[in-house]
Each structure stands twice: as structure tokens, then as C-alpha cells.
Amino acid sequence: MKELGIVDNLEGIQTTFQEIHNLILMCKYPDCKHINEKGCAVLDAMEKGTINKASLENYQKMLREQDRFQSTVAAQELNR
């Protein structure tokens, strides 16, 4: 995914994981982490087999990598 350049672009992650992104919009809580929350549309879809666990794990991994990337860029900006 890093090679695709989507780590530094939220829209790229949303496009790559469009099905998960659409489900996120239906979650009961806007700050849902999609881990164990009741009313999570993503977890419900995974339980029903609409999306697979590996896709959700990859999505969450990409978000973590994006957070690290943004933190690194922010730290570099502070050091200038």
C-alpha cells in the first residue's frame, strides 16, 4: 500500500476500502473504532460475512500507518 502512495492520502484509503468506508458511515457512533462497539455497522457486516476480517485488519493497519506518517511529517515540520 505504501507503494501506491495511499498512506498519506485519506481519500486513497477510502477509495481502496470503499465497502468498509460506506459501512463506517452507517455506524451508530461517529467515533466508532470498529473493534467491539455495539451498533458498529462494520463489525455487523463482518459477522454476516459481507466483508472479511482480513480486509478490516488491512484497513485498520493502513489508518495506523497513515497516523504514523502524519506524525512524522508534523515532527519534521517542527524541526525546520
Protein backbone atom coordinates (compact mmCIF):
# COMPACT_ATOMS: atom_id res chain seq x y z
CA MET A 1 0.00 0.00 0.00
CA LYS A 2 2.89 2.33 0.67
CA GLU A 3 3.98 1.80 -2.92
CA LEU A 4 0.58 3.01 -4.09
CA GLY A 5 1.02 6.27 -2.19
CA ILE A 6 -2.21 5.97 -0.25
CA VAL A 7 -0.65 6.11 3.21
CA ASP A 8 -0.50 9.89 3.11
CA ASN A 9 -3.92 10.30 1.49
CA LEU A 10 -7.14 9.55 3.37
CA GLU A 11 -9.14 9.63 0.15
CA GLY A 12 -6.88 6.92 -1.27
CA ILE A 13 -7.58 4.70 1.72
CA GLN A 14 -11.30 5.40 1.48
CA THR A 15 -11.29 4.55 -2.22
CA THR A 16 -9.27 1.38 -1.73
CA PHE A 17 -11.56 0.24 1.08
CA GLN A 18 -14.79 1.75 -0.32
CA GLU A 19 -17.02 -1.01 1.04
CA ILE A 20 -15.67 -0.53 4.58
CA HIS A 21 -15.83 3.26 4.27
CA ASN A 22 -19.51 3.07 3.25
CA LEU A 23 -20.25 0.88 6.27
CA ILE A 24 -18.41 3.29 8.60
CA LEU A 25 -20.88 5.98 7.60
CA MET A 26 -23.66 3.78 8.99
CA CYS A 27 -22.07 3.16 12.42
CA LYS A 28 -24.15 4.15 15.42
CA TYR A 29 -21.40 6.36 16.87
CA PRO A 30 -19.34 8.83 14.81
CA ASP A 31 -16.16 7.99 16.77
CA CYS A 32 -16.58 4.22 16.39
CA LYS A 33 -13.23 2.38 16.32
CA HIS A 34 -14.76 -0.77 14.75
CA ILE A 35 -13.23 -3.00 17.40
CA ASN A 36 -16.00 -4.11 19.77
CA GLU A 37 -18.64 -1.35 19.82
CA LYS A 38 -22.32 -2.25 19.80
CA GLY A 39 -24.04 -0.76 16.78
CA CYS A 40 -20.91 -0.91 14.61
CA ALA A 41 -22.03 -1.47 11.02
CA VAL A 42 -18.55 -2.68 10.06
CA LEU A 43 -18.47 -5.40 12.73
CA ASP A 44 -22.04 -6.39 11.91
CA ALA A 45 -21.08 -6.78 8.23
CA MET A 46 -18.05 -8.85 9.19
CA GLU A 47 -20.20 -11.15 11.35
CA LYS A 48 -22.65 -11.58 8.46
CA GLY A 49 -19.79 -12.33 6.03
CA THR A 50 -20.31 -9.21 3.91
CA ILE A 51 -16.70 -8.18 4.48
CA ASN A 52 -13.89 -10.39 5.69
CA LYS A 53 -11.78 -9.89 8.77
CA ALA A 54 -8.56 -9.57 6.75
CA SER A 55 -9.97 -6.59 4.82
CA LEU A 56 -10.90 -4.82 8.06
CA GLU A 57 -7.47 -5.57 9.54
CA ASN A 58 -5.77 -4.20 6.42
CA TYR A 59 -7.93 -1.08 6.57
CA GLN A 60 -7.08 -0.51 10.23
CA LYS A 61 -3.38 -1.13 9.52
CA MET A 62 -3.42 1.47 6.75
CA LEU A 63 -5.02 4.02 9.10
CA ARG A 64 -2.32 3.34 11.71
CA GLU A 65 0.39 3.76 9.07
CA GLN A 66 -1.24 6.98 7.92
CA ASP A 67 -1.26 8.29 11.51
CA ARG A 68 2.46 7.44 11.87
CA PHE A 69 3.23 9.10 8.54
CA GLN A 70 1.38 12.27 9.53
CA SER A 71 3.11 12.33 12.92
CA THR A 72 6.49 12.00 11.23
CA VAL A 73 5.71 14.80 8.78
CA ALA A 74 4.48 17.03 11.61
CA ALA A 75 7.65 16.36 13.61
CA GLN A 76 9.80 17.20 10.61
CA GLU A 77 7.92 20.47 10.13
CA LEU A 78 8.57 21.41 13.77
CA ASN A 79 12.31 20.78 13.32
CA ARG A 80 12.61 23.17 10.39
